[in-house]
Amino acid sequence: MWHRMFRISQRRAQLAITVLVFAAVLLSACAGGGAPADTTPIKIGAIHDLTGATADVGTPYAEGLKGYVEWRNANGGINGHPIELISADYAYKVDVAEQLYTQYVQEGVVAFQGWGTGDTEALRSKIAADKIPFMSASYSANLLDMSAAPYNFLIGTSYSDQAIIGLRWALDDWKAAGKSGAPAVAIIHNDSPFGQSPVEDAKKFAEANGMAFTSLPMPRGATDFVAELAQLKQFGASYVIIQNVSSPAAVLLKDAAAQGMKSEMKFICLNWCADEIFIGLAGDAAEGVLGTIPFTPPSSPVPGHNDPDAWLKSKGSSLEEKGLHFSQGWWTMAVMAEGIKRVLDEGKEVNGENIKAALESIQNFETGGVTSPISFSPTSHKGNNSLRLYVVEGGKWKQVSDFISAGD
């Protein structure tokens, strides 16, 4: 009797082992044939301006980058790989940016999200040597030099193209008013590489089209720009392009309104002052200001706003509250993630060289109407050269054109 029970127990144990082995084989097959699915995090470095000279616009942009990462990871990451974002505030200081970049590369990041023009341009040679695909919130045309910046990619329309589109609008507006000849135009700009970035290209375009041209810096920390406005008036400027961030641009427009100069000049904000922050600070003085805006503001809803808006609402906020710079950061990270996804889809190693090649394969990538379609190639990292024009009307940015190209 005892021997019989022992044999039965043996058979049951063998059956249990067989079932367990079969289940393990089945699970292994479902996982792709032997090894568990690779879910290694993909490290991306980033620097933000949260406390420096451009923190007013840098903060929502940084929140957009981080928001996209959290949203993407909650939805499976990139082909099952979570994004590990390693980032810090560099307070708009070039030396701190260089230090953080070097640190993060040593920690194994395969791509990088930067911020300012000065630091992005300063890092170009290191980025190229390290073979780290790099996107930033700088749209300086200097970053499009493929010999000097082969690993830099621009998502937004370059500052030079923005200025040229603004000047083309000024020419058309001048002619539509029945005026002869060409107007006098000016750029008033942040006193930095960022501010100076579009000046030479704008000057070339203006002079080629018979427009008198001048440029003036806006001193950092100035509490008014009355002296600069007097210089613009003496020059005879009919159109003034502003290449600065929201806060100083708002001070400029309030001064122009107080001096009665808004009837004499038309003001055009390039993208870093063409936002909701500017309207909130300038108030009624913002009315009638034109904006060259590469990233569609929430006041003109498009499908590409849906995911960031839904994510923000799940956090008790909204895209309308955060503003266009949030979706700007969101979609910049989304384009980088698309490049990484293409590397994984091809079964290749996720490294800088492969991400660069994958980004260069992107053609007409749709952002749901937030930007014009994004395209790169091995010979050009200019994502697009088109944007829509907006005007401040009733305290909101109102679209006044379809996508306009700056030309080749």
Protein backbone atom coordinates (compact mmCIF):
# COMPACT_ATOMS: atom_id res chain seq x y z
CA MET A 1 0.00 0.00 0.00
CA TRP A 2 2.77 2.40 0.93
CA HIS A 3 4.68 1.59 -2.29
CA ARG A 4 1.59 2.24 -4.38
CA MET A 5 1.00 5.67 -2.82
CA PHE A 6 4.70 6.51 -3.37
CA ARG A 7 4.41 5.66 -7.12
CA ILE A 8 1.27 7.81 -7.43
CA SER A 9 3.06 10.72 -5.75
CA GLN A 10 5.99 10.28 -8.13
CA ARG A 11 3.71 10.37 -11.17
CA ARG A 12 1.95 13.48 -9.86
CA ALA A 13 5.29 15.22 -9.24
CA GLN A 14 6.50 14.33 -12.73
CA LEU A 15 3.24 15.62 -14.22
CA ALA A 16 3.58 18.87 -12.29
CA ILE A 17 7.17 19.31 -13.50
CA THR A 18 6.07 18.65 -17.10
CA VAL A 19 3.32 21.27 -16.83
CA LEU A 20 5.75 23.80 -15.39
CA VAL A 21 8.31 23.15 -18.15
CA PHE A 22 5.63 23.47 -20.83
CA ALA A 23 4.41 26.75 -19.32
CA ALA A 24 7.96 28.11 -19.21
CA VAL A 25 8.50 27.20 -22.88
CA LEU A 26 5.20 28.80 -23.84
CA LEU A 27 6.01 32.01 -21.97
CA SER A 28 9.47 32.06 -23.50
CA ALA A 29 8.00 31.73 -26.99
CA CYS A 30 5.57 34.54 -26.32
CA ALA A 31 8.44 36.73 -25.15
CA GLY A 32 10.25 36.29 -28.45
CA GLY A 33 12.20 33.11 -28.16
CA GLY A 34 14.23 32.48 -25.08
CA ALA A 35 15.27 35.75 -23.45
CA PRO A 36 13.01 38.16 -21.61
CA ALA A 37 12.11 41.36 -23.45
CA ASP A 38 14.77 44.07 -23.20
CA THR A 39 13.43 47.01 -21.21
CA THR A 40 16.72 48.83 -20.64
CA PRO A 41 16.04 52.55 -20.03
CA ILE A 42 17.16 54.97 -22.74
CA LYS A 43 19.11 57.82 -21.17
CA ILE A 44 18.57 61.34 -22.52
CA GLY A 45 20.28 64.38 -21.02
CA ALA A 46 18.76 67.85 -20.77
CA ILE A 47 19.45 71.33 -19.43
CA HIS A 48 16.77 73.87 -18.56
CA ASP A 49 16.66 77.57 -17.76
CA LEU A 50 14.41 77.68 -14.70
CA THR A 51 16.05 80.56 -12.82
CA GLY A 52 18.11 82.51 -15.39
CA ALA A 53 17.52 85.34 -17.86
CA THR A 54 15.06 83.34 -20.01
CA ALA A 55 13.28 81.44 -17.24
CA ASP A 56 9.91 83.00 -18.13
CA VAL A 57 9.79 80.93 -21.30
CA GLY A 58 12.27 78.25 -20.25
CA THR A 59 10.10 76.91 -17.46
CA PRO A 60 7.03 75.90 -19.51
CA TYR A 61 9.30 74.52 -22.25
CA ALA A 62 11.10 72.32 -19.69
CA GLU A 63 7.75 71.19 -18.29
CA GLY A 64 6.73 70.15 -21.80
CA LEU A 65 9.86 68.03 -22.27
CA LYS A 66 9.35 66.34 -18.91
CA GLY A 67 5.61 65.96 -19.49
CA TYR A 68 6.17 64.12 -22.77
CA VAL A 69 8.63 61.73 -21.10
CA GLU A 70 6.19 60.92 -18.28
CA TRP A 71 3.32 60.48 -20.76
CA ARG A 72 5.37 58.29 -23.09
CA ASN A 73 6.64 56.10 -20.25
CA ALA A 74 3.07 55.65 -18.97
CA ASN A 75 2.19 54.43 -22.46
CA GLY A 76 4.89 51.80 -22.81
CA GLY A 77 7.94 53.95 -23.43
CA ILE A 78 9.73 53.60 -26.76
CA ASN A 79 9.10 50.00 -27.87
CA GLY A 80 9.02 48.97 -24.22
CA HIS A 81 12.07 50.99 -23.20
CA PRO A 82 11.37 53.75 -20.65
CA ILE A 83 13.02 57.12 -21.22
CA GLU A 84 15.33 58.10 -18.38
CA LEU A 85 15.62 61.90 -18.51
CA ILE A 86 18.65 63.26 -16.65
CA SER A 87 18.36 67.02 -16.33
CA ALA A 88 19.11 70.14 -14.29
CA ASP A 89 18.66 73.90 -14.22
CA TYR A 90 21.73 75.66 -15.65
CA ALA A 91 20.36 79.21 -15.11
CA TYR A 92 21.34 80.30 -18.65
CA LYS A 93 25.07 80.06 -17.88
CA VAL A 94 27.25 78.67 -20.66
CA ASP A 95 29.93 77.26 -18.34
CA VAL A 96 27.32 75.37 -16.31
CA ALA A 97 25.79 74.02 -19.54
CA GLU A 98 29.18 72.70 -20.64
CA GLN A 99 29.78 71.09 -17.24
CA LEU A 100 26.38 69.37 -17.17
CA TYR A 101 26.68 68.20 -20.78
CA THR A 102 30.06 66.55 -20.07
CA GLN A 103 28.73 64.95 -16.89
CA TYR A 104 25.66 63.49 -18.59
CA VAL A 105 27.65 62.12 -21.54
CA GLN A 106 29.91 60.35 -19.04
CA GLU A 107 26.75 58.91 -17.44
CA GLY A 108 25.78 57.32 -20.75
CA VAL A 109 23.16 59.55 -22.39
CA VAL A 110 22.64 58.78 -26.08
CA ALA A 111 20.92 62.06 -26.99
CA PHE A 112 20.54 65.54 -25.52
CA GLN A 113 17.94 68.29 -25.16
CA GLY A 114 19.53 71.74 -24.79
CA TRP A 115 18.18 75.24 -24.44
CA GLY A 116 19.94 78.50 -25.30
CA THR A 117 21.80 79.77 -28.36
CA GLY A 118 25.03 80.71 -26.57
CA ASP A 119 25.45 77.33 -24.89
CA THR A 120 24.24 75.28 -27.87
CA GLU A 121 26.70 77.03 -30.19
CA ALA A 122 29.49 76.69 -27.61
CA LEU A 123 28.87 72.92 -27.40
CA ARG A 124 28.83 72.26 -31.16
CA SER A 125 32.35 70.82 -31.42
CA LYS A 126 31.89 68.62 -28.32
CA ILE A 127 28.54 67.38 -29.60
CA ALA A 128 30.11 66.44 -32.93
CA ALA A 129 33.09 64.72 -31.29
CA ASP A 130 30.86 62.78 -28.89
CA LYS A 131 28.36 61.93 -31.65
CA ILE A 132 25.40 62.94 -29.49
CA PRO A 133 22.22 63.97 -31.41
CA PHE A 134 21.26 67.34 -29.95
CA MET A 135 18.06 69.34 -30.11
CA SER A 136 17.54 72.63 -28.31
CA ALA A 137 15.22 75.59 -28.07
CA SER A 138 17.70 77.64 -30.08
CA TYR A 139 16.80 78.10 -33.73
CA SER A 140 20.01 79.87 -34.70
CA ALA A 141 20.94 79.42 -38.36
CA ASN A 142 24.54 78.83 -37.21
CA LEU A 143 23.40 75.42 -35.99
CA LEU A 144 22.52 74.43 -39.56
CA ASP A 145 26.16 74.40 -40.70
CA MET A 146 26.59 70.66 -41.33
CA SER A 147 30.38 70.87 -41.20
CA ALA A 148 30.41 72.57 -37.78
CA ALA A 149 27.22 71.09 -36.29
CA PRO A 150 26.60 67.64 -37.84
CA TYR A 151 24.73 66.35 -34.77
CA ASN A 152 22.47 69.39 -34.16
CA PHE A 153 18.83 69.23 -35.30
CA LEU A 154 16.37 72.18 -35.45
CA ILE A 155 12.69 71.49 -34.84
CA GLY A 156 11.50 75.10 -34.99
CA THR A 157 11.80 77.48 -37.93
CA SER A 158 15.17 79.24 -37.68
CA TYR A 159 15.32 82.79 -36.30
CA SER A 160 16.65 83.96 -39.64
CA ASP A 161 13.72 82.42 -41.51
CA GLN A 162 11.31 83.88 -38.95
CA ALA A 163 12.77 87.37 -39.46
CA ILE A 164 12.65 87.02 -43.25
CA ILE A 165 8.99 85.93 -43.11
CA GLY A 166 8.28 88.96 -40.91
CA LEU A 167 10.04 91.28 -43.36
CA ARG A 168 8.14 89.79 -46.30
CA TRP A 169 4.92 90.49 -44.45
CA ALA A 170 6.09 94.07 -43.83
CA LEU A 171 6.72 94.58 -47.54
CA ASP A 172 3.28 93.22 -48.45
CA ASP A 173 1.61 95.28 -45.72
CA TRP A 174 3.39 98.44 -46.94
CA LYS A 175 2.28 97.86 -50.52
CA ALA A 176 -1.28 96.98 -49.44
CA ALA A 177 -1.45 100.40 -47.78
CA GLY A 178 -0.71 101.97 -51.18
CA LYS A 179 2.70 103.30 -50.19
CA SER A 180 5.52 103.59 -52.70
CA GLY A 181 9.07 102.36 -52.35
CA ALA A 182 10.01 100.21 -49.35
CA PRO A 183 9.71 100.80 -45.61
CA ALA A 184 12.50 101.33 -43.08
CA VAL A 185 12.76 98.34 -40.76
CA ALA A 186 14.62 97.47 -37.57
CA ILE A 187 15.42 94.55 -35.29
CA ILE A 188 15.58 95.28 -31.58
CA HIS A 189 17.07 92.30 -29.80
CA ASN A 190 18.32 90.60 -26.67
CA ASP A 191 21.98 91.53 -26.12
CA SER A 192 23.28 87.97 -26.56
CA PRO A 193 24.09 85.42 -29.29
CA PHE A 194 20.38 84.50 -29.23
CA GLY A 195 19.38 88.09 -29.92
CA GLN A 196 21.99 88.68 -32.57
CA SER A 197 21.34 85.41 -34.41
CA PRO A 198 18.95 86.66 -37.15
CA VAL A 199 20.39 90.16 -37.58
CA GLU A 200 22.80 89.59 -40.48
CA ASP A 201 20.39 87.46 -42.52
CA ALA A 202 17.58 89.97 -41.94
CA LYS A 203 19.88 92.81 -42.98
CA LYS A 204 20.81 91.03 -46.22
CA PHE A 205 17.15 90.41 -47.07
CA ALA A 206 16.10 93.96 -46.20
CA GLU A 207 18.83 95.61 -48.23
CA ALA A 208 18.24 93.28 -51.19
CA ASN A 209 14.62 94.47 -51.19
CA GLY A 210 15.36 98.18 -50.88
CA MET A 211 14.48 98.50 -47.18
CA ALA A 212 16.58 100.72 -44.92
CA PHE A 213 17.70 98.58 -41.97
CA THR A 214 19.08 99.02 -38.47
CA SER A 215 19.41 96.93 -35.33
CA LEU A 216 19.57 97.81 -31.64
CA PRO A 217 20.39 95.74 -28.54
CA MET A 218 18.06 95.72 -25.54
CA PRO A 219 20.20 96.02 -22.40
CA ARG A 220 19.63 93.19 -19.92
CA GLY A 221 17.83 94.23 -16.77
CA ALA A 222 16.54 97.49 -18.26
CA THR A 223 13.36 98.78 -16.64
CA ASP A 224 12.36 100.78 -19.71
CA PHE A 225 13.28 101.11 -23.39
CA VAL A 226 12.32 104.73 -23.96
CA ALA A 227 15.82 105.62 -25.22
CA GLU A 228 15.81 102.73 -27.71
CA LEU A 229 12.37 103.70 -28.98
CA ALA A 230 13.61 107.27 -29.52
CA GLN A 231 16.45 105.89 -31.65
CA LEU A 232 14.01 103.82 -33.70
CA LYS A 233 11.83 106.88 -34.23
CA GLN A 234 14.82 108.97 -35.31
CA PHE A 235 15.79 106.24 -37.79
CA GLY A 236 12.26 106.32 -39.18
CA ALA A 237 11.40 102.66 -38.64
CA SER A 238 7.92 101.71 -39.79
CA TYR A 239 8.28 98.04 -38.77
CA VAL A 240 10.15 96.72 -35.74
CA ILE A 241 11.06 93.05 -35.26
CA ILE A 242 11.56 91.99 -31.64
CA GLN A 243 14.02 89.15 -31.02
CA ASN A 244 13.72 88.69 -27.27
CA VAL A 245 11.75 86.82 -24.63
CA SER A 246 8.34 87.79 -23.29
CA SER A 247 9.14 90.03 -20.31
CA PRO A 248 11.38 92.67 -21.97
CA ALA A 249 9.19 92.62 -25.08
CA ALA A 250 6.18 93.48 -22.93
CA VAL A 251 8.09 96.39 -21.34
CA LEU A 252 8.99 97.65 -24.84
CA LEU A 253 5.38 97.59 -26.04
CA LYS A 254 4.06 99.29 -22.92
CA ASP A 255 6.66 102.02 -23.41
CA ALA A 256 5.72 102.32 -27.10
CA ALA A 257 2.04 102.70 -26.18
CA ALA A 258 2.83 105.28 -23.51
CA GLN A 259 4.95 107.26 -25.98
CA GLY A 260 2.19 107.19 -28.63
CA MET A 261 4.46 105.27 -30.99
CA LYS A 262 2.22 102.30 -31.78
CA SER A 263 0.47 104.40 -34.40
CA GLU A 264 3.83 105.12 -36.05
CA MET A 265 5.37 101.63 -35.98
CA LYS A 266 4.15 98.07 -36.36
CA PHE A 267 5.78 95.50 -34.09
CA ILE A 268 6.56 91.91 -35.00
CA CYS A 269 7.51 89.38 -32.29
CA LEU A 270 9.63 86.38 -33.25
CA ASN A 271 8.71 83.18 -31.48
CA TRP A 272 10.18 83.71 -27.99
CA CYS A 273 8.05 86.76 -27.30
CA ALA A 274 5.05 85.70 -29.39
CA ASP A 275 3.31 83.85 -26.58
CA GLU A 276 0.65 84.11 -23.89
CA ILE A 277 3.15 85.39 -21.32
CA PHE A 278 3.78 88.48 -23.45
CA ILE A 279 0.05 89.21 -23.76
CA GLY A 280 -0.46 88.81 -20.02
CA LEU A 281 2.37 91.22 -19.21
CA ALA A 282 1.75 93.80 -21.94
CA GLY A 283 -2.04 93.92 -21.61
CA ASP A 284 -3.72 96.30 -24.03
CA ALA A 285 -0.32 97.32 -25.42
CA ALA A 286 -0.05 93.87 -27.01
CA GLU A 287 -3.07 94.43 -29.26
CA GLY A 288 -2.16 94.46 -32.94
CA VAL A 289 1.32 92.95 -32.48
CA LEU A 290 2.16 90.38 -35.16
CA GLY A 291 3.78 87.07 -34.23
CA THR A 292 5.88 84.68 -36.31
CA ILE A 293 4.95 81.49 -34.45
CA PRO A 294 6.37 78.09 -35.49
CA PHE A 295 4.36 76.22 -32.79
CA THR A 296 0.59 76.66 -32.90
CA PRO A 297 -0.75 78.35 -29.75
CA PRO A 298 -3.58 76.72 -27.77
CA SER A 299 -5.87 79.60 -28.83
CA SER A 300 -5.93 77.89 -32.26
CA PRO A 301 -6.62 74.24 -31.33
CA VAL A 302 -5.14 71.49 -33.55
CA PRO A 303 -5.08 67.69 -33.10
CA GLY A 304 -1.47 67.81 -31.89
CA HIS A 305 -2.64 69.62 -28.76
CA ASN A 306 -4.89 66.75 -27.66
CA ASP A 307 -2.39 64.46 -25.91
CA PRO A 308 -0.54 67.18 -23.96
CA ASP A 309 -3.84 68.79 -22.99
CA ALA A 310 -5.32 65.50 -21.79
CA TRP A 311 -2.15 64.70 -19.84
CA LEU A 312 -2.17 68.14 -18.20
CA LYS A 313 -5.84 67.84 -17.32
CA SER A 314 -5.09 64.55 -15.59
CA LYS A 315 -2.68 66.60 -13.45
CA GLY A 316 -5.22 69.34 -12.70
CA SER A 317 -3.95 71.79 -15.34
CA SER A 318 -4.48 72.37 -19.08
CA LEU A 319 -2.59 73.37 -22.21
CA GLU A 320 -4.42 76.68 -22.21
CA GLU A 321 -2.99 77.34 -18.76
CA LYS A 322 0.56 76.21 -19.60
CA GLY A 323 0.73 77.84 -23.04
CA LEU A 324 2.37 77.19 -26.37
CA HIS A 325 5.92 76.70 -25.01
CA PHE A 326 4.72 73.57 -23.19
CA SER A 327 3.66 71.94 -26.46
CA GLN A 328 6.88 73.25 -28.04
CA GLY A 329 8.92 71.24 -25.52
CA TRP A 330 6.53 68.28 -25.81
CA TRP A 331 6.85 67.99 -29.58
CA THR A 332 10.60 68.55 -29.59
CA MET A 333 10.98 65.51 -27.36
CA ALA A 334 8.45 63.63 -29.51
CA VAL A 335 10.62 64.11 -32.62
CA MET A 336 13.68 62.85 -30.76
CA ALA A 337 11.68 59.83 -29.56
CA GLU A 338 10.67 59.12 -33.16
CA GLY A 339 14.32 58.89 -34.16
CA ILE A 340 15.04 56.47 -31.31
CA LYS A 341 11.98 54.37 -32.20
CA ARG A 342 13.24 53.97 -35.76
CA VAL A 343 16.56 52.66 -34.45
CA LEU A 344 14.75 50.08 -32.30
CA ASP A 345 12.40 49.15 -35.16
CA GLU A 346 15.47 48.28 -37.25
CA GLY A 347 16.93 46.18 -34.45
CA LYS A 348 20.02 48.36 -34.17
CA GLU A 349 21.97 49.51 -31.14
CA VAL A 350 20.63 52.71 -29.60
CA ASN A 351 23.64 54.98 -29.92
CA GLY A 352 24.31 58.48 -31.22
CA GLU A 353 25.35 57.51 -34.74
CA ASN A 354 22.31 55.32 -35.29
CA ILE A 355 19.92 57.91 -33.82
CA LYS A 356 21.42 60.58 -36.12
CA ALA A 357 20.92 58.36 -39.18
CA ALA A 358 17.36 57.55 -38.11
CA LEU A 359 16.50 61.23 -37.62
CA GLU A 360 17.92 61.95 -41.08
CA SER A 361 15.41 59.45 -42.52
CA ILE A 362 12.44 61.45 -41.21
CA GLN A 363 10.35 62.98 -43.98
CA ASN A 364 7.14 64.97 -43.44
CA PHE A 365 6.73 63.88 -39.82
CA GLU A 366 3.32 65.12 -38.69
CA THR A 367 2.91 66.93 -35.39
CA GLY A 368 -0.86 67.17 -35.65
CA GLY A 369 -0.71 70.72 -36.99
CA VAL A 370 1.44 72.08 -34.15
CA THR A 371 4.21 72.76 -36.71
CA SER A 372 4.53 72.36 -40.43
CA PRO A 373 5.71 68.80 -41.20
CA ILE A 374 9.26 68.02 -40.03
CA SER A 375 11.84 66.67 -42.48
CA PHE A 376 15.57 66.00 -42.16
CA SER A 377 18.19 64.53 -44.47
CA PRO A 378 21.91 63.68 -44.37
CA THR A 379 22.60 67.12 -45.90
CA SER A 380 20.14 69.27 -43.93
CA HIS A 381 19.01 69.31 -40.30
CA LYS A 382 16.57 72.19 -40.83
CA GLY A 383 13.28 70.67 -39.74
CA ASN A 384 11.18 73.18 -41.66
CA ASN A 385 11.24 76.73 -42.99
CA SER A 386 7.55 77.55 -42.66
CA LEU A 387 5.25 79.00 -40.01
CA ARG A 388 1.91 80.69 -39.55
CA LEU A 389 1.44 84.37 -38.73
CA TYR A 390 -0.73 85.45 -35.81
CA VAL A 391 -1.90 88.80 -34.46
CA VAL A 392 -2.97 89.73 -30.95
CA GLU A 393 -6.69 90.43 -31.04
CA GLY A 394 -8.90 90.59 -27.95
CA GLY A 395 -6.07 89.33 -25.75
CA LYS A 396 -5.39 86.17 -27.78
CA TRP A 397 -3.18 85.13 -30.69
CA LYS A 398 -5.42 84.92 -33.76
CA GLN A 399 -4.20 83.07 -36.85
CA VAL A 400 -3.96 85.35 -39.91
CA SER A 401 -2.17 83.13 -42.43
CA ASP A 402 -1.60 79.54 -43.43
CA PHE A 403 1.97 78.21 -43.40
CA ILE A 404 4.31 80.70 -45.08
CA SER A 405 7.75 79.66 -46.29
CA ALA A 406 10.89 81.78 -45.97
CA GLY A 407 12.12 80.25 -49.23
CA ASP A 408 15.26 78.23 -49.82
